[in-house]
PDB file of N, CA and C in Angstrom:
ATOM      1  N   MET A   1     142.173  97.092  15.278  1.00  0.00           N
ATOM      2  CA  MET A   1     142.029  97.476  16.662  1.00  0.00           C
ATOM      3  C   MET A   1     140.582  97.851  16.990  1.00  0.00           C
ATOM      4  N   ILE A   2     140.000  98.733  16.166  1.00  0.00           N
ATOM      5  CA  ILE A   2     138.616  99.149  16.405  1.00  0.00           C
ATOM      6  C   ILE A   2     137.688  97.948  16.316  1.00  0.00           C
ATOM      7  N   ARG A   3     137.955  97.064  15.364  1.00  0.00           N
ATOM      8  CA  ARG A   3     137.119  95.866  15.215  1.00  0.00           C
ATOM      9  C   ARG A   3     137.170  95.019  16.475  1.00  0.00           C
ATOM     10  N   ASN A   4     138.355  94.888  17.071  1.00  0.00           N
ATOM     11  CA  ASN A   4     138.490  94.106  18.304  1.00  0.00           C
ATOM     12  C   ASN A   4     137.695  94.729  19.447  1.00  0.00           C
ATOM     13  N   VAL A   5     137.728  96.043  19.539  1.00  0.00           N
ATOM     14  CA  VAL A   5     136.975  96.735  20.591  1.00  0.00           C
ATOM     15  C   VAL A   5     135.485  96.509  20.401  1.00  0.00           C
ATOM     16  N   ILE A   6     135.029  96.625  19.174  1.00  0.00           N
ATOM     17  CA  ILE A   6     133.608  96.418  18.884  1.00  0.00           C
ATOM     18  C   ILE A   6     133.192  95.001  19.252  1.00  0.00           C
ATOM     19  N   VAL A   7     134.027  94.028  18.921  1.00  0.00           N
ATOM     20  CA  VAL A   7     133.722  92.627  19.243  1.00  0.00           C
ATOM     21  C   VAL A   7     133.638  92.446  20.754  1.00  0.00           C
ATOM     22  N   VAL A   8     134.580  93.033  21.505  1.00  0.00           N
ATOM     23  CA  VAL A   8     134.565  92.916  22.967  1.00  0.00           C
ATOM     24  C   VAL A   8     133.289  93.519  23.541  1.00  0.00           C
ATOM     25  N   VAL A   9     132.924  94.699  23.065  1.00  0.00           N
ATOM     26  CA  VAL A   9     131.718  95.364  23.567  1.00  0.00           C
ATOM     27  C   VAL A   9     130.478  94.545  23.245  1.00  0.00           C
ATOM     28  N   LEU A  10     130.384  94.041  22.036  1.00  0.00           N
ATOM     29  CA  LEU A  10     129.217  93.242  21.654  1.00  0.00           C
ATOM     30  C   LEU A  10     129.132  91.952  22.449  1.00  0.00           C
ATOM     31  N   LEU A  11     130.262  91.300  22.675  1.00  0.00           N
ATOM     32  CA  LEU A  11     130.255  90.070  23.471  1.00  0.00           C
ATOM     33  C   LEU A  11     129.860  90.357  24.918  1.00  0.00           C
ATOM     34  N   ALA A  12     130.349  91.458  25.455  1.00  0.00           N
ATOM     35  CA  ALA A  12     129.976  91.825  26.826  1.00  0.00           C
ATOM     36  C   ALA A  12     128.488  92.102  26.921  1.00  0.00           C
ATOM     37  N   ALA A  13     127.954  92.809  25.935  1.00  0.00           N
ATOM     38  CA  ALA A  13     126.521  93.125  25.943  1.00  0.00           C
ATOM     39  C   ALA A  13     125.690  91.857  25.797  1.00  0.00           C
ATOM     40  N   ALA A  14     126.119  90.947  24.950  1.00  0.00           N
ATOM     41  CA  ALA A  14     125.381  89.698  24.747  1.00  0.00           C
ATOM     42  C   ALA A  14     125.376  88.855  26.008  1.00  0.00           C
ATOM     43  N   GLY A  15     126.466  88.887  26.758  1.00  0.00           N
ATOM     44  CA  GLY A  15     126.553  88.114  27.988  1.00  0.00           C
ATOM     45  C   GLY A  15     125.631  88.620  29.073  1.00  0.00           C
ATOM     46  N   LEU A  16     125.156  89.825  28.948  1.00  0.00           N
ATOM     47  CA  LEU A  16     124.282  90.406  29.963  1.00  0.00           C
ATOM     48  C   LEU A  16     122.822  89.999  29.819  1.00  0.00           C
ATOM     49  N   ALA A  17     122.469  89.433  28.710  1.00  0.00           N
ATOM     50  CA  ALA A  17     121.065  89.127  28.459  1.00  0.00           C
ATOM     51  C   ALA A  17     120.459  88.248  29.544  1.00  0.00           C
ATOM     52  N   ALA A  18     121.240  87.299  30.070  1.00  0.00           N
ATOM     53  CA  ALA A  18     120.715  86.374  31.067  1.00  0.00           C
ATOM     54  C   ALA A  18     120.923  86.873  32.496  1.00  0.00           C
ATOM     55  N   GLN A  19     121.645  87.984  32.657  1.00  0.00           N
ATOM     56  CA  GLN A  19     121.927  88.497  33.984  1.00  0.00           C
ATOM     57  C   GLN A  19     120.922  89.568  34.377  1.00  0.00           C
ATOM     58  N   SER A  20     120.776  89.747  35.677  1.00  0.00           N
ATOM     59  CA  SER A  20     119.951  90.852  36.127  1.00  0.00           C
ATOM     60  C   SER A  20     120.754  92.139  35.964  1.00  0.00           C
ATOM     61  N   PRO A  21     120.086  93.248  35.775  1.00  0.00           N
ATOM     62  CA  PRO A  21     120.812  94.497  35.571  1.00  0.00           C
ATOM     63  C   PRO A  21     121.601  94.894  36.819  1.00  0.00           C
ATOM     64  N   ALA A  22     122.774  95.467  36.595  1.00  0.00           N
ATOM     65  CA  ALA A  22     123.587  95.938  37.710  1.00  0.00           C
ATOM     66  C   ALA A  22     122.912  97.145  38.337  1.00  0.00           C
ATOM     67  N   SER A  23     123.048  97.255  39.625  1.00  0.00           N
ATOM     68  CA  SER A  23     122.474  98.419  40.291  1.00  0.00           C
ATOM     69  C   SER A  23     123.561  99.462  40.455  1.00  0.00           C
ATOM     70  N   GLY A  24     123.157 100.619  40.793  1.00  0.00           N
ATOM     71  CA  GLY A  24     124.099 101.699  41.017  1.00  0.00           C
ATOM     72  C   GLY A  24     123.342 102.869  41.598  1.00  0.00           C
ATOM     73  N   ASN A  25     124.058 103.863  42.047  1.00  0.00           N
ATOM     74  CA  ASN A  25     123.461 105.041  42.634  1.00  0.00           C
ATOM     75  C   ASN A  25     123.481 106.158  41.607  1.00  0.00           C
ATOM     76  N   ALA A  26     122.308 106.560  41.137  1.00  0.00           N
ATOM     77  CA  ALA A  26     122.204 107.568  40.083  1.00  0.00           C
ATOM     78  C   ALA A  26     122.734 108.925  40.523  1.00  0.00           C
ATOM     79  N   GLU A  27     122.483 109.319  41.765  1.00  0.00           N
ATOM     80  CA  GLU A  27     122.982 110.619  42.249  1.00  0.00           C
ATOM     81  C   GLU A  27     124.504 110.640  42.285  1.00  0.00           C
ATOM     82  N   THR A  28     125.103 109.571  42.796  1.00  0.00           N
ATOM     83  CA  THR A  28     126.556 109.477  42.815  1.00  0.00           C
ATOM     84  C   THR A  28     127.083 109.460  41.383  1.00  0.00           C
ATOM     85  N   GLY A  29     126.394 108.728  40.524  1.00  0.00           N
ATOM     86  CA  GLY A  29     126.799 108.648  39.128  1.00  0.00           C
ATOM     87  C   GLY A  29     126.776 109.989  38.440  1.00  0.00           C
ATOM     88  N   LYS A  30     125.779 110.804  38.740  1.00  0.00           N
ATOM     89  CA  LYS A  30     125.688 112.140  38.150  1.00  0.00           C
ATOM     90  C   LYS A  30     126.871 112.998  38.591  1.00  0.00           C
ATOM     91  N   ARG A  31     127.189 112.943  39.884  1.00  0.00           N
ATOM     92  CA  ARG A  31     128.327 113.713  40.400  1.00  0.00           C
ATOM     93  C   ARG A  31     129.632 113.258  39.743  1.00  0.00           C
ATOM     94  N   GLN A  32     129.801 111.952  39.597  1.00  0.00           N
ATOM     95  CA  GLN A  32     131.028 111.413  38.994  1.00  0.00           C
ATOM     96  C   GLN A  32     131.105 111.740  37.504  1.00  0.00           C
ATOM     97  N   PHE A  33     129.976 111.728  36.821  1.00  0.00           N
ATOM     98  CA  PHE A  33     129.909 112.065  35.397  1.00  0.00           C
ATOM     99  C   PHE A  33     130.455 113.478  35.175  1.00  0.00           C
ATOM    100  N   VAL A  34     130.114 114.378  36.088  1.00  0.00           N
ATOM    101  CA  VAL A  34     130.600 115.761  36.000  1.00  0.00           C
ATOM    102  C   VAL A  34     132.057 115.834  36.469  1.00  0.00           C
ATOM    103  N   LYS A  35     132.359 115.225  37.603  1.00  0.00           N
ATOM    104  CA  LYS A  35     133.712 115.277  38.180  1.00  0.00           C
ATOM    105  C   LYS A  35     134.758 114.731  37.206  1.00  0.00           C
ATOM    106  N   LEU A  36     134.430 113.647  36.525  1.00  0.00           N
ATOM    107  CA  LEU A  36     135.375 113.030  35.600  1.00  0.00           C
ATOM    108  C   LEU A  36     135.430 113.745  34.246  1.00  0.00           C
ATOM    109  N   GLY A  37     134.536 114.702  34.038  1.00  0.00           N
ATOM    110  CA  GLY A  37     134.544 115.465  32.794  1.00  0.00           C
ATOM    111  C   GLY A  37     133.831 114.802  31.635  1.00  0.00           C
ATOM    112  N   CYS A  38     133.057 113.768  31.896  1.00  0.00           N
ATOM    113  CA  CYS A  38     132.322 113.074  30.823  1.00  0.00           C
ATOM    114  C   CYS A  38     131.410 114.037  30.071  1.00  0.00           C
ATOM    115  N   TYR A  39     130.855 114.996  30.819  1.00  0.00           N
ATOM    116  CA  TYR A  39     129.913 115.955  30.237  1.00  0.00           C
ATOM    117  C   TYR A  39     130.536 116.803  29.133  1.00  0.00           C
ATOM    118  N   THR A  40     131.860 116.979  29.159  1.00  0.00           N
ATOM    119  CA  THR A  40     132.478 117.861  28.173  1.00  0.00           C
ATOM    120  C   THR A  40     132.313 117.341  26.754  1.00  0.00           C
ATOM    121  N   CYS A  41     132.228 116.050  26.587  1.00  0.00           N
ATOM    122  CA  CYS A  41     132.004 115.467  25.259  1.00  0.00           C
ATOM    123  C   CYS A  41     130.590 114.932  25.073  1.00  0.00           C
ATOM    124  N   HIS A  42     130.001 114.393  26.162  1.00  0.00           N
ATOM    125  CA  HIS A  42     128.708 113.712  26.065  1.00  0.00           C
ATOM    126  C   HIS A  42     127.531 114.569  26.508  1.00  0.00           C
ATOM    127  N   GLY A  43     127.766 115.799  26.963  1.00  0.00           N
ATOM    128  CA  GLY A  43     126.692 116.655  27.454  1.00  0.00           C
ATOM    129  C   GLY A  43     126.330 116.306  28.887  1.00  0.00           C
ATOM    130  N   TYR A  44     125.741 117.263  29.602  1.00  0.00           N
ATOM    131  CA  TYR A  44     125.413 117.058  31.018  1.00  0.00           C
ATOM    132  C   TYR A  44     124.412 115.931  31.247  1.00  0.00           C
ATOM    133  N   GLU A  45     123.577 115.636  30.281  1.00  0.00           N
ATOM    134  CA  GLU A  45     122.591 114.557  30.446  1.00  0.00           C
ATOM    135  C   GLU A  45     122.883 113.388  29.515  1.00  0.00           C
ATOM    136  N   GLY A  46     124.120 113.298  29.032  1.00  0.00           N
ATOM    137  CA  GLY A  46     124.490 112.192  28.158  1.00  0.00           C
ATOM    138  C   GLY A  46     123.850 112.266  26.796  1.00  0.00           C
ATOM    139  N   GLN A  47     123.408 113.474  26.394  1.00  0.00           N
ATOM    140  CA  GLN A  47     122.682 113.624  25.132  1.00  0.00           C
ATOM    141  C   GLN A  47     123.592 113.587  23.909  1.00  0.00           C
ATOM    142  N   GLY A  48     124.897 113.583  24.137  1.00  0.00           N
ATOM    143  CA  GLY A  48     125.842 113.566  23.023  1.00  0.00           C
ATOM    144  C   GLY A  48     126.137 114.964  22.541  1.00  0.00           C
ATOM    145  N   GLY A  49     127.152 115.048  21.730  1.00  0.00           N
ATOM    146  CA  GLY A  49     127.552 116.346  21.209  1.00  0.00           C
ATOM    147  C   GLY A  49     128.523 116.154  20.062  1.00  0.00           C
ATOM    148  N   GLY A  50     129.245 117.196  19.735  1.00  0.00           N
ATOM    149  CA  GLY A  50     130.184 117.133  18.621  1.00  0.00           C
ATOM    150  C   GLY A  50     131.291 116.127  18.830  1.00  0.00           C
ATOM    151  N   ALA A  51     131.759 115.973  20.067  1.00  0.00           N
ATOM    152  CA  ALA A  51     132.890 115.091  20.333  1.00  0.00           C
ATOM    153  C   ALA A  51     132.498 113.740  20.928  1.00  0.00           C
ATOM    154  N   GLY A  52     131.306 113.639  21.501  1.00  0.00           N
ATOM    155  CA  GLY A  52     130.940 112.415  22.203  1.00  0.00           C
ATOM    156  C   GLY A  52     129.606 111.851  21.764  1.00  0.00           C
ATOM    157  N   ALA A  53     129.487 110.560  21.880  1.00  0.00           N
ATOM    158  CA  ALA A  53     128.267 109.847  21.493  1.00  0.00           C
ATOM    159  C   ALA A  53     127.133 110.105  22.484  1.00  0.00           C
ATOM    160  N   LYS A  54     125.922 109.899  22.028  1.00  0.00           N
ATOM    161  CA  LYS A  54     124.737 109.953  22.888  1.00  0.00           C
ATOM    162  C   LYS A  54     124.772 108.722  23.797  1.00  0.00           C
ATOM    163  N   LEU A  55     124.650 108.936  25.094  1.00  0.00           N
ATOM    164  CA  LEU A  55     124.694 107.839  26.065  1.00  0.00           C
ATOM    165  C   LEU A  55     123.367 107.597  26.767  1.00  0.00           C
ATOM    166  N   ALA A  56     122.515 108.593  26.791  1.00  0.00           N
ATOM    167  CA  ALA A  56     121.259 108.499  27.523  1.00  0.00           C
ATOM    168  C   ALA A  56     120.120 108.959  26.623  1.00  0.00           C
ATOM    169  N   PRO A  57     118.903 108.563  26.871  1.00  0.00           N
ATOM    170  CA  PRO A  57     118.400 107.966  28.089  1.00  0.00           C
ATOM    171  C   PRO A  57     118.451 106.439  28.119  1.00  0.00           C
ATOM    172  N   HIS A  58     118.891 105.812  27.072  1.00  0.00           N
ATOM    173  CA  HIS A  58     118.936 104.342  27.036  1.00  0.00           C
ATOM    174  C   HIS A  58     120.370 103.876  26.840  1.00  0.00           C
ATOM    175  N   PRO A  59     121.173 103.866  27.932  1.00  0.00           N
ATOM    176  CA  PRO A  59     122.574 103.490  27.787  1.00  0.00           C
ATOM    177  C   PRO A  59     122.738 102.007  27.482  1.00  0.00           C
ATOM    178  N   ILE A  60     123.905 101.667  26.942  1.00  0.00           N
ATOM    179  CA  ILE A  60     124.222 100.259  26.730  1.00  0.00           C
ATOM    180  C   ILE A  60     124.323  99.581  28.094  1.00  0.00           C
ATOM    181  N   ALA A  61     124.351  98.282  28.116  1.00  0.00           N
ATOM    182  CA  ALA A  61     124.405  97.516  29.366  1.00  0.00           C
ATOM    183  C   ALA A  61     125.630  97.926  30.195  1.00  0.00           C
ATOM    184  N   PRO A  62     125.522  97.838  31.514  1.00  0.00           N
ATOM    185  CA  PRO A  62     126.634  98.268  32.376  1.00  0.00           C
ATOM    186  C   PRO A  62     127.970  97.608  32.047  1.00  0.00           C
ATOM    187  N   THR A  63     127.969  96.313  31.828  1.00  0.00           N
ATOM    188  CA  THR A  63     129.220  95.615  31.526  1.00  0.00           C
ATOM    189  C   THR A  63     129.794  96.078  30.189  1.00  0.00           C
ATOM    190  N   ALA A  64     128.944  96.330  29.229  1.00  0.00           N
ATOM    191  CA  ALA A  64     129.405  96.838  27.930  1.00  0.00           C
ATOM    192  C   ALA A  64     129.965  98.249  28.078  1.00  0.00           C
ATOM    193  N   LEU A  65     129.331  99.073  28.899  1.00  0.00           N
ATOM    194  CA  LEU A  65     129.821 100.421  29.150  1.00  0.00           C
ATOM    195  C   LEU A  65     131.207 100.372  29.785  1.00  0.00           C
ATOM    196  N   ILE A  66     131.375  99.531  30.779  1.00  0.00           N
ATOM    197  CA  ILE A  66     132.665  99.393  31.452  1.00  0.00           C
ATOM    198  C   ILE A  66     133.726  98.918  30.469  1.00  0.00           C
ATOM    199  N   ALA A  67     133.397  97.916  29.658  1.00  0.00           N
ATOM    200  CA  ALA A  67     134.358  97.397  28.674  1.00  0.00           C
ATOM    201  C   ALA A  67     134.769  98.481  27.686  1.00  0.00           C
ATOM    202  N   TYR A  68     133.812  99.283  27.259  1.00  0.00           N
ATOM    203  CA  TYR A  68     134.121 100.331  26.290  1.00  0.00           C
ATOM    204  C   TYR A  68     134.966 101.438  26.915  1.00  0.00           C
ATOM    205  N   VAL A  69     134.650 101.824  28.147  1.00  0.00           N
ATOM    206  CA  VAL A  69     135.412 102.879  28.821  1.00  0.00           C
ATOM    207  C   VAL A  69     136.868 102.435  29.025  1.00  0.00           C
ATOM    208  N   ARG A  70     137.062 101.156  29.268  1.00  0.00           N
ATOM    209  CA  ARG A  70     138.420 100.630  29.455  1.00  0.00           C
ATOM    210  C   ARG A  70     139.201 100.570  28.134  1.00  0.00           C
ATOM    211  N   HIS A  71     138.509 100.286  27.033  1.00  0.00           N
ATOM    212  CA  HIS A  71     139.157 100.126  25.716  1.00  0.00           C
ATOM    213  C   HIS A  71     138.327 100.821  24.637  1.00  0.00           C
ATOM    214  N   PRO A  72     138.289 102.155  24.657  1.00  0.00           N
ATOM    215  CA  PRO A  72     137.435 102.882  23.716  1.00  0.00           C
ATOM    216  C   PRO A  72     138.013 102.951  22.308  1.00  0.00           C
ATOM    217  N   ALA A  73     137.160 103.307  21.383  1.00  0.00           N
ATOM    218  CA  ALA A  73     137.561 103.551  19.999  1.00  0.00           C
ATOM    219  C   ALA A  73     137.516 105.058  19.768  1.00  0.00           C
ATOM    220  N   GLY A  74     138.056 105.489  18.662  1.00  0.00           N
ATOM    221  CA  GLY A  74     137.983 106.907  18.324  1.00  0.00           C
ATOM    222  C   GLY A  74     138.868 107.752  19.212  1.00  0.00           C
ATOM    223  N   SER A  75     138.407 108.954  19.517  1.00  0.00           N
ATOM    224  CA  SER A  75     139.235 109.911  20.255  1.00  0.00           C
ATOM    225  C   SER A  75     139.059 109.842  21.770  1.00  0.00           C
ATOM    226  N   MET A  76     138.163 108.997  22.267  1.00  0.00           N
ATOM    227  CA  MET A  76     137.975 108.898  23.712  1.00  0.00           C
ATOM    228  C   MET A  76     139.192 108.240  24.357  1.00  0.00           C
ATOM    229  N   PRO A  77     139.711 108.852  25.417  1.00  0.00           N
ATOM    230  CA  PRO A  77     140.849 108.230  26.100  1.00  0.00           C
ATOM    231  C   PRO A  77     140.384 107.055  26.954  1.00  0.00           C
ATOM    232  N   PRO A  78     141.236 106.051  27.143  1.00  0.00           N
ATOM    233  CA  PRO A  78     140.862 104.938  28.021  1.00  0.00           C
ATOM    234  C   PRO A  78     140.911 105.375  29.483  1.00  0.00           C
ATOM    235  N   PHE A  79     140.025 104.816  30.283  1.00  0.00           N
ATOM    236  CA  PHE A  79     139.993 105.076  31.716  1.00  0.00           C
ATOM    237  C   PHE A  79     140.258 103.753  32.427  1.00  0.00           C
ATOM    238  N   THR A  80     141.424 103.618  33.043  1.00  0.00           N
ATOM    239  CA  THR A  80     141.787 102.394  33.753  1.00  0.00           C
ATOM    240  C   THR A  80     141.055 102.326  35.090  1.00  0.00           C
ATOM    241  N   LYS A  81     141.141 101.164  35.733  1.00  0.00           N
ATOM    242  CA  LYS A  81     140.533 101.008  37.061  1.00  0.00           C
ATOM    243  C   LYS A  81     141.174 101.932  38.082  1.00  0.00           C
ATOM    244  N   LYS A  82     142.427 102.340  37.847  1.00  0.00           N
ATOM    245  CA  LYS A  82     143.083 103.272  38.765  1.00  0.00           C
ATOM    246  C   LYS A  82     142.455 104.657  38.684  1.00  0.00           C
ATOM    247  N   VAL A  83     141.903 104.993  37.527  1.00  0.00           N
ATOM    248  CA  VAL A  83     141.285 106.303  37.324  1.00  0.00           C
ATOM    249  C   VAL A  83     139.828 106.287  37.755  1.00  0.00           C
ATOM    250  N   VAL A  84     139.105 105.238  37.369  1.00  0.00           N
ATOM    251  CA  VAL A  84     137.678 105.127  37.698  1.00  0.00           C
ATOM    252  C   VAL A  84     137.341 103.646  37.907  1.00  0.00           C
ATOM    253  N   SER A  85     136.745 103.352  39.046  1.00  0.00           N
ATOM    254  CA  SER A  85     136.427 101.960  39.391  1.00  0.00           C
ATOM    255  C   SER A  85     135.183 101.473  38.651  1.00  0.00           C
ATOM    256  N   ASP A  86     135.026 100.157  38.626  1.00  0.00           N
ATOM    257  CA  ASP A  86     133.811  99.571  38.051  1.00  0.00           C
ATOM    258  C   ASP A  86     132.574 100.045  38.811  1.00  0.00           C
ATOM    259  N   GLU A  87     132.709 100.219  40.120  1.00  0.00           N
ATOM    260  CA  GLU A  87     131.576 100.687  40.939  1.00  0.00           C
ATOM    261  C   GLU A  87     131.136 102.086  40.510  1.00  0.00           C
ATOM    262  N   VAL A  88     132.099 102.970  40.289  1.00  0.00           N
ATOM    263  CA  VAL A  88     131.771 104.328  39.847  1.00  0.00           C
ATOM    264  C   VAL A  88     131.127 104.285  38.460  1.00  0.00           C
ATOM    265  N   LEU A  89     131.652 103.451  37.577  1.00  0.00           N
ATOM    266  CA  LEU A  89     131.056 103.331  36.240  1.00  0.00           C
ATOM    267  C   LEU A  89     129.642 102.769  36.315  1.00  0.00           C
ATOM    268  N   THR A  90     129.398 101.874  37.263  1.00  0.00           N
ATOM    269  CA  THR A  90     128.046 101.351  37.462  1.00  0.00           C
ATOM    270  C   THR A  90     127.123 102.460  37.954  1.00  0.00           C
ATOM    271  N   ASP A  91     127.631 103.333  38.815  1.00  0.00           N
ATOM    272  CA  ASP A  91     126.847 104.485  39.257  1.00  0.00           C
ATOM    273  C   ASP A  91     126.567 105.430  38.089  1.00  0.00           C
ATOM    274  N   ILE A  92     127.570 105.653  37.243  1.00  0.00           N
ATOM    275  CA  ILE A  92     127.375 106.508  36.067  1.00  0.00           C
ATOM    276  C   ILE A  92     126.327 105.889  35.154  1.00  0.00           C
ATOM    277  N   HIS A  93     126.359 104.591  34.994  1.00  0.00           N
ATOM    278  CA  HIS A  93     125.340 103.907  34.187  1.00  0.00           C
ATOM    279  C   HIS A  93     123.952 104.139  34.782  1.00  0.00           C
ATOM    280  N   ALA A  94     123.849 104.035  36.105  1.00  0.00           N
ATOM    281  CA  ALA A  94     122.556 104.258  36.767  1.00  0.00           C
ATOM    282  C   ALA A  94     122.075 105.683  36.503  1.00  0.00           C
ATOM    283  N   TYR A  95     122.992 106.645  36.536  1.00  0.00           N
ATOM    284  CA  TYR A  95     122.614 108.022  36.230  1.00  0.00           C
ATOM    285  C   TYR A  95     122.103 108.132  34.799  1.00  0.00           C
ATOM    286  N   LEU A  96     122.846 107.580  33.854  1.00  0.00           N
ATOM    287  CA  LEU A  96     122.435 107.669  32.445  1.00  0.00           C
ATOM    288  C   LEU A  96     121.082 107.003  32.226  1.00  0.00           C
ATOM    289  N   ALA A  97     120.847 105.889  32.917  1.00  0.00           N
ATOM    290  CA  ALA A  97     119.569 105.182  32.790  1.00  0.00           C
ATOM    291  C   ALA A  97     118.430 105.967  33.439  1.00  0.00           C
ATOM    292  N   SER A  98     118.758 106.871  34.369  1.00  0.00           N
ATOM    293  CA  SER A  98     117.716 107.645  35.050  1.00  0.00           C
ATOM    294  C   SER A  98     117.288 108.881  34.261  1.00  0.00           C
ATOM    295  N   VAL A  99     118.039 109.231  33.235  1.00  0.00           N
ATOM    296  CA  VAL A  99     117.696 110.415  32.439  1.00  0.00           C
ATOM    297  C   VAL A  99     116.400 110.116  31.684  1.00  0.00           C
ATOM    298  N   PRO A 100     115.380 110.950  31.851  1.00  0.00           N
ATOM    299  CA  PRO A 100     114.114 110.679  31.172  1.00  0.00           C
ATOM    300  C   PRO A 100     114.228 110.902  29.663  1.00  0.00           C
ATOM    301  N   ALA A 101     113.468 110.113  28.941  1.00  0.00           N
ATOM    302  CA  ALA A 101     113.415 110.287  27.489  1.00  0.00           C
ATOM    303  C   ALA A 101     112.704 111.592  27.159  1.00  0.00           C
ATOM    304  N   PRO A 102     113.090 112.251  26.076  1.00  0.00           N
ATOM    305  CA  PRO A 102     112.390 113.477  25.699  1.00  0.00           C
ATOM    306  C   PRO A 102     110.969 113.156  25.233  1.00  0.00           C
ATOM    307  N   PRO A 103     110.086 114.132  25.260  1.00  0.00           N
ATOM    308  CA  PRO A 103     108.723 113.882  24.794  1.00  0.00           C
ATOM    309  C   PRO A 103     108.710 113.648  23.285  1.00  0.00           C
ATOM    310  N   PRO A 104     107.734 112.922  22.792  1.00  0.00           N
ATOM    311  CA  PRO A 104     107.618 112.736  21.339  1.00  0.00           C
ATOM    312  C   PRO A 104     107.420 114.079  20.642  1.00  0.00           C
ATOM    313  N   VAL A 105     107.901 114.195  19.437  1.00  0.00           N
ATOM    314  CA  VAL A 105     107.783 115.440  18.672  1.00  0.00           C
ATOM    315  C   VAL A 105     106.335 115.888  18.585  1.00  0.00           C
ATOM    316  N   LYS A 106     105.409 114.965  18.432  1.00  0.00           N
ATOM    317  CA  LYS A 106     103.991 115.320  18.299  1.00  0.00           C
ATOM    318  C   LYS A 106     103.452 116.009  19.547  1.00  0.00           C
ATOM    319  N   ASP A 107     104.146 115.837  20.695  1.00  0.00           N
ATOM    320  CA  ASP A 107     103.699 116.450  21.947  1.00  0.00           C
ATOM    321  C   ASP A 107     104.354 117.803  22.220  1.00  0.00           C
ATOM    322  N   ILE A 108     105.134 118.323  21.275  1.00  0.00           N
ATOM    323  CA  ILE A 108     105.782 119.611  21.431  1.00  0.00           C
ATOM    324  C   ILE A 108     105.085 120.594  20.496  1.00  0.00           C
ATOM    325  N   PRO A 109     104.199 121.445  21.027  1.00  0.00           N
ATOM    326  CA  PRO A 109     103.369 122.312  20.183  1.00  0.00           C
ATOM    327  C   PRO A 109     104.162 123.157  19.181  1.00  0.00           C
ATOM    328  N   LEU A 110     105.263 123.711  19.614  1.00  0.00           N
ATOM    329  CA  LEU A 110     106.042 124.580  18.734  1.00  0.00           C
ATOM    330  C   LEU A 110     106.542 123.842  17.483  1.00  0.00           C
ATOM    331  N   LEU A 111     106.794 122.558  17.638  1.00  0.00           N
ATOM    332  CA  LEU A 111     107.275 121.777  16.495  1.00  0.00           C
ATOM    333  C   LEU A 111     106.144 121.277  15.593  1.00  0.00           C
ATOM    334  N   ASN A 112     104.931 121.539  15.985  1.00  0.00           N
ATOM    335  CA  ASN A 112     103.783 121.067  15.211  1.00  0.00           C
ATOM    336  C   ASN A 112     102.987 122.207  14.583  1.00  0.00           C
ATOM    337  N   GLN A 113     103.586 123.356  14.450  1.00  0.00           N
ATOM    338  CA  GLN A 113     102.890 124.500  13.847  1.00  0.00           C
ATOM    339  C   GLN A 113     103.073 124.496  12.352  1.00  0.00           C
TER     340      GLN A 113
END
C-alpha cells in the first residue's frame, strides 16, 4: 500500500516538470492550513515536528501535494475533496512556498561562537 502511494506521488511530481506551476493565494492558504489543523503536526510554518513531515520552505509540487493528501502514508488521515478542495490545497501549497528559508548557520552569530 505504501509503495503504491509513493509511486503515485512520484508519478504526479514527474508529470509536473513540463507544466507551469499552479498558482494559489498564500494568505488564504495560511488561514486554511490553520483552520484544517495542519499546523498541529506540521508546525505553523510547515517546519515539521514529531508527528508531521517538514513541508516548507520548499514544498513538493502542487499536484504531488494534492495526491499525497488524498492518499497519505503513515499516520496522516486522508482528506477527500469533500473535506478540502484542490483549490484550497493549491492555496496551502502557495502558503508553504511563501515561507522564507531560514538563514544559513554561518549567518547566525550565536551558532558560530
